[in-house]
Amino acid sequence: MATPAQFKPYTDNFGSLTLHATILGDGAVMTPEDHRKHINMLVVIAAILSLIVAVVAAYGLDKMVFAGHDRTGQPALAYNGMAVDTD
């Protein structure tokens, strides 16, 4: 069941008196400026996370595409005792 919204007076940047709803009746006033700050913070966090995901995806794609060229851990080929460069 939803709790009824409680409103508190707030003076905005231009001096106009407006009413803003409190968050779940806890007494904290959520002004439009505060709401904008929260949204901007979420956008920045989403941008950082998307960059991290893009870097991890590029690394995984690189490992997947060039996995056949990775010669670590494989024995070197030899012909008559001489090492053969297969790259």
PDB file of N, CA and C in Angstrom:
ATOM      1  N   MET A   1       0.837  -1.159   0.000  1.00  0.00           N
ATOM      2  CA  MET A   1       0.000   0.000   0.000  1.00  0.00           C
ATOM      3  C   MET A   1       0.891   1.234   0.000  1.00  0.00           C
ATOM      4  N   ALA A   2       0.630   2.159  -0.855  1.00  0.00           N
ATOM      5  CA  ALA A   2       1.447   3.363  -1.001  1.00  0.00           C
ATOM      6  C   ALA A   2       1.140   4.343   0.125  1.00  0.00           C
ATOM      7  N   THR A   3       2.184   4.967   0.617  1.00  0.00           N
ATOM      8  CA  THR A   3       1.997   5.984   1.637  1.00  0.00           C
ATOM      9  C   THR A   3       1.660   7.305   0.960  1.00  0.00           C
ATOM     10  N   PRO A   4       0.843   8.123   1.576  1.00  0.00           N
ATOM     11  CA  PRO A   4       0.518   9.401   0.944  1.00  0.00           C
ATOM     12  C   PRO A   4       1.741  10.304   0.918  1.00  0.00           C
ATOM     13  N   ALA A   5       1.857  11.065  -0.139  1.00  0.00           N
ATOM     14  CA  ALA A   5       3.013  11.954  -0.293  1.00  0.00           C
ATOM     15  C   ALA A   5       2.884  13.129   0.658  1.00  0.00           C
ATOM     16  N   GLN A   6       3.979  13.491   1.258  1.00  0.00           N
ATOM     17  CA  GLN A   6       4.029  14.670   2.101  1.00  0.00           C
ATOM     18  C   GLN A   6       4.759  15.752   1.330  1.00  0.00           C
ATOM     19  N   PHE A   7       4.265  16.964   1.410  1.00  0.00           N
ATOM     20  CA  PHE A   7       4.856  18.069   0.670  1.00  0.00           C
ATOM     21  C   PHE A   7       5.437  19.086   1.626  1.00  0.00           C
ATOM     22  N   LYS A   8       6.580  19.654   1.245  1.00  0.00           N
ATOM     23  CA  LYS A   8       7.221  20.697   2.038  1.00  0.00           C
ATOM     24  C   LYS A   8       7.479  21.892   1.140  1.00  0.00           C
ATOM     25  N   PRO A   9       7.399  23.095   1.679  1.00  0.00           N
ATOM     26  CA  PRO A   9       7.680  24.269   0.860  1.00  0.00           C
ATOM     27  C   PRO A   9       9.164  24.366   0.538  1.00  0.00           C
ATOM     28  N   TYR A  10       9.470  24.868  -0.626  1.00  0.00           N
ATOM     29  CA  TYR A  10      10.847  25.014  -1.079  1.00  0.00           C
ATOM     30  C   TYR A  10      10.923  26.254  -1.959  1.00  0.00           C
ATOM     31  N   THR A  11      11.953  27.037  -1.787  1.00  0.00           N
ATOM     32  CA  THR A  11      12.157  28.220  -2.618  1.00  0.00           C
ATOM     33  C   THR A  11      13.156  27.866  -3.694  1.00  0.00           C
ATOM     34  N   ASP A  12      12.749  27.974  -4.955  1.00  0.00           N
ATOM     35  CA  ASP A  12      13.652  27.618  -6.044  1.00  0.00           C
ATOM     36  C   ASP A  12      14.607  28.771  -6.337  1.00  0.00           C
ATOM     37  N   ASN A  13      15.378  28.658  -7.398  1.00  0.00           N
ATOM     38  CA  ASN A  13      16.422  29.636  -7.719  1.00  0.00           C
ATOM     39  C   ASN A  13      15.887  31.023  -8.009  1.00  0.00           C
ATOM     40  N   PHE A  14      14.640  31.129  -8.423  1.00  0.00           N
ATOM     41  CA  PHE A  14      14.084  32.417  -8.789  1.00  0.00           C
ATOM     42  C   PHE A  14      13.248  33.025  -7.676  1.00  0.00           C
ATOM     43  N   GLY A  15      13.242  32.414  -6.503  1.00  0.00           N
ATOM     44  CA  GLY A  15      12.515  32.959  -5.377  1.00  0.00           C
ATOM     45  C   GLY A  15      11.066  32.552  -5.328  1.00  0.00           C
ATOM     46  N   SER A  16      10.616  31.710  -6.216  1.00  0.00           N
ATOM     47  CA  SER A  16       9.224  31.251  -6.200  1.00  0.00           C
ATOM     48  C   SER A  16       9.062  30.152  -5.160  1.00  0.00           C
ATOM     49  N   LEU A  17       7.977  30.233  -4.446  1.00  0.00           N
ATOM     50  CA  LEU A  17       7.698  29.214  -3.443  1.00  0.00           C
ATOM     51  C   LEU A  17       6.959  28.067  -4.108  1.00  0.00           C
ATOM     52  N   THR A  18       7.533  26.877  -4.030  1.00  0.00           N
ATOM     53  CA  THR A  18       6.908  25.699  -4.615  1.00  0.00           C
ATOM     54  C   THR A  18       6.848  24.598  -3.573  1.00  0.00           C
ATOM     55  N   LEU A  19       6.029  23.613  -3.828  1.00  0.00           N
ATOM     56  CA  LEU A  19       5.933  22.462  -2.942  1.00  0.00           C
ATOM     57  C   LEU A  19       6.578  21.257  -3.610  1.00  0.00           C
ATOM     58  N   HIS A  20       7.383  20.546  -2.846  1.00  0.00           N
ATOM     59  CA  HIS A  20       8.041  19.349  -3.356  1.00  0.00           C
ATOM     60  C   HIS A  20       7.709  18.188  -2.437  1.00  0.00           C
ATOM     61  N   ALA A  21       7.506  17.027  -3.039  1.00  0.00           N
ATOM     62  CA  ALA A  21       7.171  15.832  -2.262  1.00  0.00           C
ATOM     63  C   ALA A  21       8.404  15.313  -1.543  1.00  0.00           C
ATOM     64  N   THR A  22       8.208  14.835  -0.332  1.00  0.00           N
ATOM     65  CA  THR A  22       9.297  14.187   0.384  1.00  0.00           C
ATOM     66  C   THR A  22       9.411  12.753  -0.104  1.00  0.00           C
ATOM     67  N   ILE A  23      10.580  12.167   0.089  1.00  0.00           N
ATOM     68  CA  ILE A  23      10.828  10.804  -0.365  1.00  0.00           C
ATOM     69  C   ILE A  23      10.245   9.839   0.657  1.00  0.00           C
ATOM     70  N   LEU A  24       9.169   9.167   0.283  1.00  0.00           N
ATOM     71  CA  LEU A  24       8.520   8.158   1.123  1.00  0.00           C
ATOM     72  C   LEU A  24       8.186   8.685   2.504  1.00  0.00           C
ATOM     73  N   GLY A  25       7.963   9.981   2.611  1.00  0.00           N
ATOM     74  CA  GLY A  25       7.563  10.571   3.883  1.00  0.00           C
ATOM     75  C   GLY A  25       8.649  10.597   4.926  1.00  0.00           C
ATOM     76  N   ASP A  26       9.927  10.521   4.524  1.00  0.00           N
ATOM     77  CA  ASP A  26      10.998  10.508   5.516  1.00  0.00           C
ATOM     78  C   ASP A  26      11.428  11.906   5.937  1.00  0.00           C
ATOM     79  N   GLY A  27      10.847  12.929   5.400  1.00  0.00           N
ATOM     80  CA  GLY A  27      11.159  14.286   5.811  1.00  0.00           C
ATOM     81  C   GLY A  27      12.224  14.954   4.979  1.00  0.00           C
ATOM     82  N   ALA A  28      12.924  14.233   4.104  1.00  0.00           N
ATOM     83  CA  ALA A  28      13.960  14.824   3.263  1.00  0.00           C
ATOM     84  C   ALA A  28      13.312  15.388   2.005  1.00  0.00           C
ATOM     85  N   VAL A  29      13.617  16.634   1.697  1.00  0.00           N
ATOM     86  CA  VAL A  29      13.046  17.272   0.521  1.00  0.00           C
ATOM     87  C   VAL A  29      13.917  16.964  -0.682  1.00  0.00           C
ATOM     88  N   MET A  30      13.312  16.437  -1.732  1.00  0.00           N
ATOM     89  CA  MET A  30      14.023  16.156  -2.979  1.00  0.00           C
ATOM     90  C   MET A  30      13.712  17.297  -3.937  1.00  0.00           C
ATOM     91  N   THR A  31      14.644  18.218  -4.042  1.00  0.00           N
ATOM     92  CA  THR A  31      14.453  19.362  -4.931  1.00  0.00           C
ATOM     93  C   THR A  31      14.797  18.955  -6.359  1.00  0.00           C
ATOM     94  N   PRO A  32      14.371  19.730  -7.345  1.00  0.00           N
ATOM     95  CA  PRO A  32      14.746  19.403  -8.726  1.00  0.00           C
ATOM     96  C   PRO A  32      16.262  19.399  -8.938  1.00  0.00           C
ATOM     97  N   GLU A  33      16.972  20.269  -8.238  1.00  0.00           N
ATOM     98  CA  GLU A  33      18.433  20.286  -8.362  1.00  0.00           C
ATOM     99  C   GLU A  33      19.041  19.010  -7.803  1.00  0.00           C
ATOM    100  N   ASP A  34      18.516  18.540  -6.665  1.00  0.00           N
ATOM    101  CA  ASP A  34      19.012  17.290  -6.081  1.00  0.00           C
ATOM    102  C   ASP A  34      18.711  16.114  -7.007  1.00  0.00           C
ATOM    103  N   HIS A  35      17.527  16.112  -7.580  1.00  0.00           N
ATOM    104  CA  HIS A  35      17.151  15.037  -8.510  1.00  0.00           C
ATOM    105  C   HIS A  35      18.072  15.048  -9.727  1.00  0.00           C
ATOM    106  N   ARG A  36      18.389  16.217 -10.240  1.00  0.00           N
ATOM    107  CA  ARG A  36      19.284  16.331 -11.396  1.00  0.00           C
ATOM    108  C   ARG A  36      20.686  15.836 -11.044  1.00  0.00           C
ATOM    109  N   LYS A  37      21.162  16.125  -9.835  1.00  0.00           N
ATOM    110  CA  LYS A  37      22.477  15.647  -9.404  1.00  0.00           C
ATOM    111  C   LYS A  37      22.516  14.118  -9.351  1.00  0.00           C
ATOM    112  N   HIS A  38      21.443  13.518  -8.849  1.00  0.00           N
ATOM    113  CA  HIS A  38      21.387  12.059  -8.777  1.00  0.00           C
ATOM    114  C   HIS A  38      21.378  11.441 -10.181  1.00  0.00           C
ATOM    115  N   ILE A  39      20.609  12.031 -11.074  1.00  0.00           N
ATOM    116  CA  ILE A  39      20.554  11.517 -12.443  1.00  0.00           C
ATOM    117  C   ILE A  39      21.917  11.665 -13.115  1.00  0.00           C
ATOM    118  N   ASN A  40      22.585  12.810 -12.940  1.00  0.00           N
ATOM    119  CA  ASN A  40      23.905  13.007 -13.534  1.00  0.00           C
ATOM    120  C   ASN A  40      24.915  12.020 -12.976  1.00  0.00           C
ATOM    121  N   MET A  41      24.827  11.722 -11.689  1.00  0.00           N
ATOM    122  CA  MET A  41      25.742  10.741 -11.088  1.00  0.00           C
ATOM    123  C   MET A  41      25.506   9.356 -11.698  1.00  0.00           C
ATOM    124  N   LEU A  42      24.255   8.994 -11.901  1.00  0.00           N
ATOM    125  CA  LEU A  42      23.958   7.703 -12.512  1.00  0.00           C
ATOM    126  C   LEU A  42      24.449   7.636 -13.952  1.00  0.00           C
ATOM    127  N   VAL A  43      24.369   8.739 -14.680  1.00  0.00           N
ATOM    128  CA  VAL A  43      24.861   8.771 -16.059  1.00  0.00           C
ATOM    129  C   VAL A  43      26.371   8.594 -16.085  1.00  0.00           C
ATOM    130  N   VAL A  44      27.082   9.239 -15.171  1.00  0.00           N
ATOM    131  CA  VAL A  44      28.543   9.108 -15.117  1.00  0.00           C
ATOM    132  C   VAL A  44      28.934   7.670 -14.760  1.00  0.00           C
ATOM    133  N   ILE A  45      28.243   7.076 -13.802  1.00  0.00           N
ATOM    134  CA  ILE A  45      28.542   5.690 -13.425  1.00  0.00           C
ATOM    135  C   ILE A  45      28.264   4.751 -14.591  1.00  0.00           C
ATOM    136  N   ALA A  46      27.172   4.967 -15.309  1.00  0.00           N
ATOM    137  CA  ALA A  46      26.856   4.129 -16.467  1.00  0.00           C
ATOM    138  C   ALA A  46      27.898   4.279 -17.566  1.00  0.00           C
ATOM    139  N   ALA A  47      28.404   5.497 -17.781  1.00  0.00           N
ATOM    140  CA  ALA A  47      29.430   5.718 -18.804  1.00  0.00           C
ATOM    141  C   ALA A  47      30.730   5.005 -18.432  1.00  0.00           C
ATOM    142  N   ILE A  48      31.124   5.089 -17.177  1.00  0.00           N
ATOM    143  CA  ILE A  48      32.352   4.423 -16.733  1.00  0.00           C
ATOM    144  C   ILE A  48      32.213   2.906 -16.863  1.00  0.00           C
ATOM    145  N   LEU A  49      31.070   2.377 -16.453  1.00  0.00           N
ATOM    146  CA  LEU A  49      30.858   0.925 -16.561  1.00  0.00           C
ATOM    147  C   LEU A  49      30.822   0.467 -18.016  1.00  0.00           C
ATOM    148  N   SER A  50      30.245   1.286 -18.898  1.00  0.00           N
ATOM    149  CA  SER A  50      30.223   0.890 -20.310  1.00  0.00           C
ATOM    150  C   SER A  50      31.623   0.912 -20.911  1.00  0.00           C
ATOM    151  N   LEU A  51      32.473   1.836 -20.486  1.00  0.00           N
ATOM    152  CA  LEU A  51      33.861   1.835 -20.956  1.00  0.00           C
ATOM    153  C   LEU A  51      34.605   0.597 -20.466  1.00  0.00           C
ATOM    154  N   ILE A  52      34.370   0.218 -19.222  1.00  0.00           N
ATOM    155  CA  ILE A  52      35.023  -0.979 -18.685  1.00  0.00           C
ATOM    156  C   ILE A  52      34.559  -2.218 -19.453  1.00  0.00           C
ATOM    157  N   VAL A  53      33.266  -2.308 -19.730  1.00  0.00           N
ATOM    158  CA  VAL A  53      32.743  -3.453 -20.479  1.00  0.00           C
ATOM    159  C   VAL A  53      33.318  -3.466 -21.892  1.00  0.00           C
ATOM    160  N   ALA A  54      33.467  -2.299 -22.524  1.00  0.00           N
ATOM    161  CA  ALA A  54      34.029  -2.238 -23.876  1.00  0.00           C
ATOM    162  C   ALA A  54      35.481  -2.699 -23.895  1.00  0.00           C
ATOM    163  N   VAL A  55      36.253  -2.311 -22.886  1.00  0.00           N
ATOM    164  CA  VAL A  55      37.657  -2.731 -22.825  1.00  0.00           C
ATOM    165  C   VAL A  55      37.757  -4.240 -22.602  1.00  0.00           C
ATOM    166  N   VAL A  56      36.937  -4.774 -21.718  1.00  0.00           N
ATOM    167  CA  VAL A  56      36.958  -6.216 -21.462  1.00  0.00           C
ATOM    168  C   VAL A  56      36.512  -6.986 -22.706  1.00  0.00           C
ATOM    169  N   ALA A  57      35.508  -6.467 -23.416  1.00  0.00           N
ATOM    170  CA  ALA A  57      35.046  -7.125 -24.637  1.00  0.00           C
ATOM    171  C   ALA A  57      36.115  -7.091 -25.718  1.00  0.00           C
ATOM    172  N   ALA A  58      36.824  -5.974 -25.853  1.00  0.00           N
ATOM    173  CA  ALA A  58      37.899  -5.886 -26.848  1.00  0.00           C
ATOM    174  C   ALA A  58      39.031  -6.849 -26.502  1.00  0.00           C
ATOM    175  N   TYR A  59      39.353  -6.971 -25.226  1.00  0.00           N
ATOM    176  CA  TYR A  59      40.394  -7.912 -24.808  1.00  0.00           C
ATOM    177  C   TYR A  59      39.969  -9.352 -25.097  1.00  0.00           C
ATOM    178  N   GLY A  60      38.720  -9.691 -24.763  1.00  0.00           N
ATOM    179  CA  GLY A  60      38.224 -11.040 -25.028  1.00  0.00           C
ATOM    180  C   GLY A  60      38.173 -11.352 -26.513  1.00  0.00           C
ATOM    181  N   LEU A  61      37.747 -10.385 -27.327  1.00  0.00           N
ATOM    182  CA  LEU A  61      37.719 -10.574 -28.773  1.00  0.00           C
ATOM    183  C   LEU A  61      39.125 -10.766 -29.324  1.00  0.00           C
ATOM    184  N   ASP A  62      40.074  -9.995 -28.815  1.00  0.00           N
ATOM    185  CA  ASP A  62      41.462 -10.132 -29.255  1.00  0.00           C
ATOM    186  C   ASP A  62      41.998 -11.517 -28.917  1.00  0.00           C
ATOM    187  N   LYS A  63      41.723 -11.978 -27.712  1.00  0.00           N
ATOM    188  CA  LYS A  63      42.196 -13.316 -27.321  1.00  0.00           C
ATOM    189  C   LYS A  63      41.518 -14.400 -28.157  1.00  0.00           C
ATOM    190  N   MET A  64      40.252 -14.204 -28.492  1.00  0.00           N
ATOM    191  CA  MET A  64      39.534 -15.210 -29.254  1.00  0.00           C
ATOM    192  C   MET A  64      40.016 -15.253 -30.707  1.00  0.00           C
ATOM    193  N   VAL A  65      40.213 -14.102 -31.314  1.00  0.00           N
ATOM    194  CA  VAL A  65      40.585 -14.046 -32.729  1.00  0.00           C
ATOM    195  C   VAL A  65      42.024 -14.488 -32.938  1.00  0.00           C
ATOM    196  N   PHE A  66      42.916 -14.064 -32.074  1.00  0.00           N
ATOM    197  CA  PHE A  66      44.342 -14.351 -32.265  1.00  0.00           C
ATOM    198  C   PHE A  66      44.848 -15.469 -31.372  1.00  0.00           C
ATOM    199  N   ALA A  67      43.968 -16.373 -30.946  1.00  0.00           N
ATOM    200  CA  ALA A  67      44.373 -17.466 -30.061  1.00  0.00           C
ATOM    201  C   ALA A  67      45.304 -18.439 -30.771  1.00  0.00           C
ATOM    202  N   GLY A  68      45.154 -18.625 -32.087  1.00  0.00           N
ATOM    203  CA  GLY A  68      46.008 -19.544 -32.823  1.00  0.00           C
ATOM    204  C   GLY A  68      47.434 -19.057 -32.970  1.00  0.00           C
ATOM    205  N   HIS A  69      47.674 -17.777 -32.795  1.00  0.00           N
ATOM    206  CA  HIS A  69      49.012 -17.218 -32.951  1.00  0.00           C
ATOM    207  C   HIS A  69      49.776 -17.159 -31.647  1.00  0.00           C
ATOM    208  N   ASP A  70      49.146 -17.556 -30.578  1.00  0.00           N
ATOM    209  CA  ASP A  70      49.804 -17.534 -29.275  1.00  0.00           C
ATOM    210  C   ASP A  70      50.679 -18.784 -29.156  1.00  0.00           C
ATOM    211  N   ARG A  71      51.988 -18.598 -29.148  1.00  0.00           N
ATOM    212  CA  ARG A  71      52.916 -19.738 -29.152  1.00  0.00           C
ATOM    213  C   ARG A  71      53.432 -20.074 -27.759  1.00  0.00           C
ATOM    214  N   THR A  72      52.941 -19.428 -26.735  1.00  0.00           N
ATOM    215  CA  THR A  72      53.442 -19.726 -25.393  1.00  0.00           C
ATOM    216  C   THR A  72      52.953 -21.098 -24.955  1.00  0.00           C
ATOM    217  N   GLY A  73      53.811 -21.830 -24.354  1.00  0.00           N
ATOM    218  CA  GLY A  73      53.458 -23.141 -23.850  1.00  0.00           C
ATOM    219  C   GLY A  73      53.513 -24.246 -24.892  1.00  0.00           C
ATOM    220  N   GLN A  74      53.815 -23.934 -26.128  1.00  0.00           N
ATOM    221  CA  GLN A  74      53.908 -24.956 -27.162  1.00  0.00           C
ATOM    222  C   GLN A  74      55.382 -25.254 -27.421  1.00  0.00           C
ATOM    223  N   PRO A  75      55.717 -26.523 -27.675  1.00  0.00           N
ATOM    224  CA  PRO A  75      57.128 -26.847 -27.918  1.00  0.00           C
ATOM    225  C   PRO A  75      57.600 -26.269 -29.254  1.00  0.00           C
ATOM    226  N   ALA A  76      58.869 -25.848 -29.282  1.00  0.00           N
ATOM    227  CA  ALA A  76      59.448 -25.299 -30.513  1.00  0.00           C
ATOM    228  C   ALA A  76      59.706 -26.435 -31.504  1.00  0.00           C
ATOM    229  N   LEU A  77      59.424 -26.178 -32.743  1.00  0.00           N
ATOM    230  CA  LEU A  77      59.685 -27.164 -33.779  1.00  0.00           C
ATOM    231  C   LEU A  77      61.167 -27.135 -34.142  1.00  0.00           C
ATOM    232  N   ALA A  78      61.691 -28.293 -34.466  1.00  0.00           N
ATOM    233  CA  ALA A  78      63.114 -28.367 -34.808  1.00  0.00           C
ATOM    234  C   ALA A  78      63.279 -29.206 -36.060  1.00  0.00           C
ATOM    235  N   TYR A  79      64.281 -28.845 -36.875  1.00  0.00           N
ATOM    236  CA  TYR A  79      64.618 -29.587 -38.078  1.00  0.00           C
ATOM    237  C   TYR A  79      66.136 -29.798 -38.056  1.00  0.00           C
ATOM    238  N   ASN A  80      66.564 -31.030 -37.954  1.00  0.00           N
ATOM    239  CA  ASN A  80      67.974 -31.382 -37.841  1.00  0.00           C
ATOM    240  C   ASN A  80      68.645 -30.641 -36.694  1.00  0.00           C
ATOM    241  N   GLY A  81      67.943 -30.502 -35.558  1.00  0.00           N
ATOM    242  CA  GLY A  81      68.539 -29.884 -34.391  1.00  0.00           C
ATOM    243  C   GLY A  81      68.448 -28.366 -34.388  1.00  0.00           C
ATOM    244  N   MET A  82      67.974 -27.758 -35.467  1.00  0.00           N
ATOM    245  CA  MET A  82      67.868 -26.287 -35.539  1.00  0.00           C
ATOM    246  C   MET A  82      66.415 -25.877 -35.251  1.00  0.00           C
ATOM    247  N   ALA A  83      66.223 -24.854 -34.458  1.00  0.00           N
ATOM    248  CA  ALA A  83      64.880 -24.366 -34.143  1.00  0.00           C
ATOM    249  C   ALA A  83      64.252 -23.731 -35.388  1.00  0.00           C
ATOM    250  N   VAL A  84      62.983 -24.031 -35.624  1.00  0.00           N
ATOM    251  CA  VAL A  84      62.275 -23.504 -36.786  1.00  0.00           C
ATOM    252  C   VAL A  84      61.303 -22.425 -36.308  1.00  0.00           C
ATOM    253  N   ASP A  85      61.418 -21.255 -36.931  1.00  0.00           N
ATOM    254  CA  ASP A  85      60.504 -20.170 -36.611  1.00  0.00           C
ATOM    255  C   ASP A  85      59.254 -20.328 -37.462  1.00  0.00           C
ATOM    256  N   THR A  86      58.114 -20.624 -36.819  1.00  0.00           N
ATOM    257  CA  THR A  86      56.902 -20.889 -37.578  1.00  0.00           C
ATOM    258  C   THR A  86      55.976 -19.680 -37.676  1.00  0.00           C
ATOM    259  N   ASP A  87      56.377 -18.559 -37.134  1.00  0.00           N
ATOM    260  CA  ASP A  87      55.508 -17.363 -37.197  1.00  0.00           C
ATOM    261  C   ASP A  87      55.547 -16.742 -38.539  1.00  0.00           C
TER     262      ASP A  87
END
